Amino acid sequence: MYDSSRKKNTAHPLNYVHLTNSRKTVNDLETQLMNIDMTVGLFLDEILAIVDESPDLLATLSSTLLDDVGKQMTNLMY
């Protein structure tokens, strides 16, 4: 027999409020990641600009150090 006095459990784990909060969280994370990406990109641009303005600087650095810097810059970009 059906008991109409029992309340239905309407709390669903994926309700509208939860989805809205999740979407906001994802958007906030994407914004933070874009800011980090831009910061890293600008930092690398500044390093490359220094090298372009001071080519003599490269002559004073070892090729091993330059290889290490290049690898780390690549890791930052990807």
Foldseek 3Di string as FASTA:
>chain_A
DDDPVDDDDPDDVPDPVNVVVVVVVVVVVVVVVVVLLVVLVVVVVVVVVVCVVCVVVVVVDDPVVVVVVVVVNVVSND
